[in-house]
Structure formats: C-alpha cells, structure tokens
N, C-alpha and C. Protein backbone atom coordinates (compact mmCIF):
# COMPACT_ATOMS: atom_id res chain seq x y z
N UNK A 1 -88.87 52.62 130.02
CA UNK A 1 -88.10 52.87 129.29
C UNK A 1 -88.21 52.93 127.82
N UNK A 2 -87.83 53.48 127.01
CA UNK A 2 -87.76 53.73 125.30
C UNK A 2 -86.92 53.66 124.94
N UNK A 3 -86.41 53.00 123.52
CA UNK A 3 -84.86 53.12 123.07
C UNK A 3 -85.57 53.50 121.22
N UNK A 4 -85.10 54.82 120.83
CA UNK A 4 -86.21 54.89 119.73
C UNK A 4 -87.21 54.64 119.18
N UNK A 5 -87.75 55.24 120.37
CA UNK A 5 -89.69 54.96 120.61
C UNK A 5 -90.13 53.82 120.66
N UNK A 6 -89.47 52.76 121.11
CA UNK A 6 -89.77 51.35 121.21
C UNK A 6 -89.98 50.76 122.62
N UNK A 7 -90.74 50.49 123.08
CA UNK A 7 -90.44 50.37 124.78
C UNK A 7 -89.57 48.96 125.03
N UNK A 8 -88.90 49.05 125.51
CA UNK A 8 -88.10 47.72 126.55
C UNK A 8 -88.79 46.79 126.10
N UNK A 9 -89.73 46.71 126.88
CA UNK A 9 -90.63 45.28 126.99
C UNK A 9 -91.13 44.80 125.21
N UNK A 10 -91.36 45.43 124.87
CA UNK A 10 -91.35 45.40 123.22
C UNK A 10 -89.86 44.84 122.43
N UNK A 11 -89.08 45.20 123.13
CA UNK A 11 -87.37 44.95 122.16
C UNK A 11 -87.18 43.42 122.76
N UNK A 12 -87.49 43.43 124.15
CA UNK A 12 -87.33 41.96 124.40
C UNK A 12 -88.11 40.72 124.12
N UNK A 13 -89.18 40.94 124.21
CA UNK A 13 -89.94 40.12 123.50
C UNK A 13 -89.58 39.95 122.00
N UNK A 14 -89.49 40.86 121.27
CA UNK A 14 -89.00 40.85 119.69
C UNK A 14 -86.86 39.85 120.28
N UNK A 15 -86.82 39.74 121.12
CA UNK A 15 -85.36 39.42 120.86
C UNK A 15 -85.76 37.95 121.74
N UNK A 16 -86.67 37.25 122.03
CA UNK A 16 -86.78 36.50 122.55
C UNK A 16 -86.67 36.14 124.10
N UNK A 17 -86.68 37.09 125.06
CA UNK A 17 -86.70 37.18 126.08
C UNK A 17 -88.05 37.68 127.01
N UNK A 18 -88.94 37.77 125.84
CA UNK A 18 -90.15 37.62 126.54
C UNK A 18 -90.98 36.27 127.37
N UNK A 19 -92.22 36.59 128.17
CA UNK A 19 -92.48 35.69 128.85
C UNK A 19 -92.80 34.37 127.90
N UNK A 20 -93.22 34.46 126.78
CA UNK A 20 -93.03 33.02 125.95
C UNK A 20 -91.88 32.28 125.77
N UNK A 21 -90.09 33.20 126.28
CA UNK A 21 -88.80 32.75 126.17
C UNK A 21 -88.42 31.94 124.79
N UNK A 22 -89.06 32.30 123.49
CA UNK A 22 -88.62 31.17 122.42
C UNK A 22 -89.54 29.91 121.78
N UNK A 23 -90.94 29.94 123.03
CA UNK A 23 -91.82 28.95 122.80
C UNK A 23 -92.48 29.20 121.63
N UNK A 24 -93.01 27.90 120.57
CA UNK A 24 -93.06 27.67 119.36
C UNK A 24 -94.78 27.80 119.67
N UNK A 25 -95.28 28.69 118.99
CA UNK A 25 -96.52 29.15 119.21
C UNK A 25 -97.55 28.36 117.67
N UNK A 26 -98.24 27.67 117.21
CA UNK A 26 -98.89 27.34 116.16
C UNK A 26 -100.30 28.43 115.56
N UNK A 27 -100.27 28.75 115.09
CA UNK A 27 -101.29 29.47 114.29
C UNK A 27 -101.96 29.20 113.61
N UNK A 28 -103.54 29.10 114.01
CA UNK A 28 -104.24 28.85 112.20
C UNK A 28 -105.30 29.96 111.98
N UNK A 29 -105.28 30.10 111.28
CA UNK A 29 -106.15 31.56 111.03
C UNK A 29 -106.21 31.68 109.17
N UNK A 30 -107.39 32.31 108.75
CA UNK A 30 -107.49 33.02 107.21
C UNK A 30 -106.52 33.83 107.48
N UNK A 31 -105.85 34.13 106.47
CA UNK A 31 -105.56 35.50 106.32
C UNK A 31 -106.40 36.55 106.53
N UNK A 32 -106.25 37.61 108.46
CA UNK A 32 -107.09 38.34 108.15
C UNK A 32 -106.37 39.02 109.20
N UNK A 33 -107.12 40.15 109.94
CA UNK A 33 -106.72 40.53 111.07
C UNK A 33 -106.14 40.05 112.16
N UNK A 34 -107.05 39.13 112.57
CA UNK A 34 -106.63 38.32 113.58
C UNK A 34 -105.60 37.12 113.21
N UNK A 35 -104.95 37.16 112.11
CA UNK A 35 -104.28 35.78 112.05
C UNK A 35 -103.03 37.34 112.00
N UNK A 36 -102.85 38.90 111.61
CA UNK A 36 -102.14 39.31 111.91
C UNK A 36 -101.79 39.43 113.65
N UNK A 37 -102.32 39.84 114.19
CA UNK A 37 -102.90 40.07 115.44
C UNK A 37 -101.88 38.90 116.24
N UNK A 38 -102.04 37.71 115.80
CA UNK A 38 -101.68 36.35 116.45
C UNK A 38 -100.34 36.56 116.28
N UNK A 39 -99.45 37.01 114.78
CA UNK A 39 -97.98 36.89 114.51
C UNK A 39 -97.46 37.96 115.58
N UNK A 40 -98.01 38.77 115.43
CA UNK A 40 -97.51 39.93 115.82
C UNK A 40 -97.18 39.56 117.83
N UNK A 41 -98.35 39.20 117.93
CA UNK A 41 -98.57 38.82 119.74
C UNK A 41 -97.56 38.33 119.97
N UNK A 42 -97.34 36.92 119.14
CA UNK A 42 -96.52 35.93 119.63
C UNK A 42 -94.99 36.80 119.20
N UNK A 43 -95.07 37.57 118.38
CA UNK A 43 -93.51 38.03 118.05
C UNK A 43 -93.19 38.75 119.78
N UNK A 44 -94.01 39.87 120.13
CA UNK A 44 -93.92 40.75 120.80
C UNK A 44 -94.17 40.02 122.60
N UNK A 45 -94.68 39.19 122.29
CA UNK A 45 -94.28 38.24 123.90
C UNK A 45 -93.26 36.97 123.80
N UNK A 46 -92.36 37.07 122.78
CA UNK A 46 -90.91 36.62 122.69
C UNK A 46 -91.23 35.13 122.42
N UNK A 47 -91.94 34.88 121.86
CA UNK A 47 -92.24 33.44 120.89
C UNK A 47 -91.99 33.75 119.86
N UNK A 48 -92.13 32.39 119.06
CA UNK A 48 -91.72 32.16 117.55
C UNK A 48 -93.31 31.53 117.00
N UNK A 49 -93.74 32.13 115.66
CA UNK A 49 -95.31 32.16 115.27
C UNK A 49 -94.38 31.15 113.96
N UNK A 50 -95.52 30.01 114.16
CA UNK A 50 -95.40 28.97 113.48
C UNK A 50 -96.58 28.87 112.89
N UNK A 51 -96.86 29.34 111.49
CA UNK A 51 -97.91 29.39 110.66
C UNK A 51 -98.63 27.87 110.46
N UNK A 52 -100.41 27.93 110.27
CA UNK A 52 -100.37 26.34 109.97
C UNK A 52 -101.45 27.01 109.16
N UNK A 53 -101.76 25.81 107.61
CA UNK A 53 -102.31 26.11 106.49
C UNK A 53 -103.79 25.54 107.21
N UNK A 54 -104.86 26.06 106.75
CA UNK A 54 -106.12 25.43 107.14
C UNK A 54 -106.21 24.38 105.89
N UNK A 55 -105.61 24.55 104.82
CA UNK A 55 -105.98 23.59 103.87
C UNK A 55 -105.04 21.97 104.53
N UNK A 56 -104.19 22.45 105.46
CA UNK A 56 -103.21 20.82 106.23
C UNK A 56 -104.16 19.70 106.30
N UNK A 57 -104.19 18.79 105.91
CA UNK A 57 -104.93 17.56 106.83
C UNK A 57 -104.51 17.62 108.57
N UNK A 58 -105.07 17.10 108.98
CA UNK A 58 -104.60 16.81 110.64
C UNK A 58 -103.02 15.85 110.73
N UNK A 59 -102.96 15.29 109.68
CA UNK A 59 -101.39 14.06 110.15
C UNK A 59 -100.47 15.59 109.19
N UNK A 60 -100.88 16.59 108.52
CA UNK A 60 -99.34 17.33 108.31
C UNK A 60 -99.57 18.27 109.56
N UNK A 61 -100.43 18.88 110.13
CA UNK A 61 -100.27 19.90 111.18
C UNK A 61 -100.07 19.37 112.29
N UNK A 62 -100.06 17.87 112.46
CA UNK A 62 -99.52 17.28 113.71
C UNK A 62 -97.79 16.71 113.23
N UNK A 63 -97.63 16.73 112.19
CA UNK A 63 -96.03 16.45 111.89
C UNK A 63 -95.05 18.30 111.79
N UNK A 64 -95.86 19.01 111.36
CA UNK A 64 -95.16 20.58 111.64
C UNK A 64 -95.34 20.82 112.68
N UNK A 65 -96.36 20.54 113.99
CA UNK A 65 -96.13 21.30 115.20
C UNK A 65 -95.37 20.12 115.58
N UNK A 66 -95.22 18.72 115.87
CA UNK A 66 -94.32 17.79 116.34
C UNK A 66 -92.57 18.27 115.59
N UNK A 67 -92.60 18.28 114.76
CA UNK A 67 -91.16 18.92 114.22
C UNK A 67 -90.62 20.22 114.95
N UNK A 68 -91.57 21.66 115.10
CA UNK A 68 -91.22 22.73 115.62
C UNK A 68 -91.54 22.50 116.91
N UNK A 69 -91.91 21.79 117.73
CA UNK A 69 -91.99 21.76 119.49
C UNK A 69 -93.08 22.59 119.70
N UNK A 70 -94.23 22.58 119.17
CA UNK A 70 -95.10 23.76 119.13
C UNK A 70 -95.74 23.59 120.52
N UNK A 71 -96.15 24.33 121.67
CA UNK A 71 -96.28 23.94 122.66
C UNK A 71 -97.60 25.22 123.47
N UNK A 72 -98.07 25.65 122.17
CA UNK A 72 -99.40 26.68 122.29
C UNK A 72 -99.81 26.56 121.03
N UNK A 73 -101.22 26.45 120.76
CA UNK A 73 -101.98 27.07 119.62
C UNK A 73 -102.68 28.22 119.28
N UNK A 74 -103.52 29.06 119.16
CA UNK A 74 -104.16 29.85 118.89
C UNK A 74 -104.62 29.94 117.65
N UNK A 75 -106.19 30.19 117.51
CA UNK A 75 -107.20 29.96 116.09
C UNK A 75 -107.74 31.23 116.40
N UNK A 76 -108.70 31.09 114.92
CA UNK A 76 -109.34 31.79 115.04
C UNK A 76 -111.09 31.90 115.24
N UNK A 77 -111.17 30.64 114.95
CA UNK A 77 -112.59 30.14 115.25
C UNK A 77 -112.02 28.64 115.96
N UNK A 78 -113.56 28.16 116.63
CA UNK A 78 -113.50 26.88 116.82
C UNK A 78 -113.32 25.57 116.06
N UNK A 79 -112.81 24.74 116.17
CA UNK A 79 -112.74 23.39 114.70
C UNK A 79 -112.18 22.25 115.48
N UNK A 80 -113.24 21.32 115.19
CA UNK A 80 -112.85 20.15 115.83
C UNK A 80 -111.44 19.41 115.71
N UNK A 81 -111.28 19.46 114.58
CA UNK A 81 -109.82 18.77 114.39
C UNK A 81 -108.90 19.71 115.03
N UNK A 82 -109.07 20.83 115.22
CA UNK A 82 -108.02 21.49 116.26
C UNK A 82 -108.24 20.71 117.84
N UNK A 83 -109.26 20.91 118.44
CA UNK A 83 -109.40 20.27 119.47
C UNK A 83 -109.00 18.36 119.75
N UNK A 84 -108.89 18.26 118.43
CA UNK A 84 -108.57 16.85 118.33
C UNK A 84 -106.61 16.74 118.52
N UNK A 85 -106.40 17.94 117.68
CA UNK A 85 -104.93 17.74 118.07
C UNK A 85 -104.49 18.26 118.99
N UNK A 86 -104.98 19.75 119.94
CA UNK A 86 -104.82 19.59 121.31
C UNK A 86 -104.66 18.65 121.87
N UNK A 87 -105.77 17.59 121.85
CA UNK A 87 -105.64 16.17 123.08
C UNK A 87 -104.07 15.75 122.95
N UNK A 88 -103.91 15.37 121.32
CA UNK A 88 -102.96 14.72 121.00
C UNK A 88 -101.61 15.47 121.10
N UNK A 89 -101.63 16.52 121.10
CA UNK A 89 -100.50 17.56 121.09
C UNK A 89 -99.82 17.93 123.04
N UNK A 90 -101.21 17.53 123.74
CA UNK A 90 -101.13 18.25 124.80
C UNK A 90 -100.79 19.52 124.93
N UNK A 91 -101.07 20.22 123.91
CA UNK A 91 -100.43 22.14 124.16
C UNK A 91 -101.94 23.09 124.55
N UNK A 92 -101.47 23.88 124.84
CA UNK A 92 -102.66 24.56 125.11
C UNK A 92 -103.25 25.34 123.96
N UNK A 93 -104.53 25.98 124.16
CA UNK A 93 -105.42 26.49 122.70
C UNK A 93 -105.84 27.52 123.11
N UNK A 94 -105.73 28.49 122.20
CA UNK A 94 -105.85 29.47 122.54
C UNK A 94 -106.87 30.31 121.58
N UNK A 95 -108.41 31.30 121.52
CA UNK A 95 -108.90 31.48 120.67
C UNK A 95 -108.87 33.33 120.08
N UNK A 96 -107.82 33.92 118.95
CA UNK A 96 -108.09 34.78 119.05
C UNK A 96 -109.22 36.01 118.48
N UNK A 97 -109.08 36.79 118.83
CA UNK A 97 -110.54 37.55 119.39
C UNK A 97 -110.69 38.16 117.65
N UNK A 98 -112.11 38.28 117.33
CA UNK A 98 -112.30 38.92 116.16
C UNK A 98 -112.77 40.61 115.92
N UNK A 99 -111.72 40.44 114.78
CA UNK A 99 -111.52 42.02 114.57
C UNK A 99 -112.56 42.55 113.65
N UNK A 100 -113.32 41.70 112.78
CA UNK A 100 -114.09 41.84 111.63
C UNK A 100 -113.41 42.44 110.50
N UNK A 101 -113.35 43.26 109.42
CA UNK A 101 -112.74 43.18 108.36
C UNK A 101 -111.64 44.66 108.68
N UNK A 102 -111.08 44.48 107.45
CA UNK A 102 -109.82 45.59 107.15
C UNK A 102 -110.10 47.35 107.23
N UNK A 103 -111.51 47.39 106.47
CA UNK A 103 -112.03 48.32 106.55
C UNK A 103 -112.83 48.80 107.61
N UNK A 104 -113.37 47.71 108.29
CA UNK A 104 -113.90 48.51 109.84
C UNK A 104 -112.82 49.07 110.82
N UNK A 105 -111.05 48.58 110.60
CA UNK A 105 -110.11 48.92 111.35
C UNK A 105 -109.56 50.50 111.28
N UNK A 106 -109.88 51.09 110.04
CA UNK A 106 -109.30 52.26 109.60
C UNK A 106 -110.77 53.09 109.80
N UNK A 107 -109.71 54.77 109.65
CA UNK A 107 -110.63 55.81 109.94
C UNK A 107 -111.03 56.40 108.43
N UNK A 108 -112.50 56.85 108.69
CA UNK A 108 -113.28 57.14 107.66
C UNK A 108 -113.31 58.23 107.32
C-alpha cells in the first residue's frame, strides 16, 4: 500500500513503528555514501540515528552512547577502538557496505 508514493513500511519506520522500535543506533563513518545509507537505513527501520564523530576519544564515544542508550553500532570500517567499545557497551556492531565515491553512483 502506498500513500503519496511512499510505501507504508517506510512510513512505519519513519514514525518509529519499524522493527527497531525507536532503538538508538550509533553511526561511526566518514562523510560518505556509507554514512548517508546508515542514517537513512536507521530511520526507515524505525530507529534513531546517533552520529558519532571519528575524532571523538573513546571516553567521549562511551559517554554519548551511554547517554543516548545506544543498543547498536554501525560503522564503515573495522576499528580496534570500536571493538573495545562494543565489549564495554554490549551492543551489536554492524559494518556498512562500501559504496565507493559519490561520482561512481551517478549516471555518466
């Protein structure tokens, strides 16, 4: 079913009724297509995106994740500090797929 061209499953996700049910998802990625995909994917799944800067020290990332009650973490790379944070936070960690550059996504 669609409403104004938007699938109802997308509307449910944006309204917080998707399968994440409002769960906070920390996103660690450089400004890239992967970051955009992570944010939109989180929103469309009914989650709340919590962007985390790569420049944050571990203590600051832990503070933000604890304060926002993040239960999941997605990143665009394997990073030793993130594995340590996952162990402390006991949250699920997912990797974003690599999309390449913005120019590779455009039609030529």
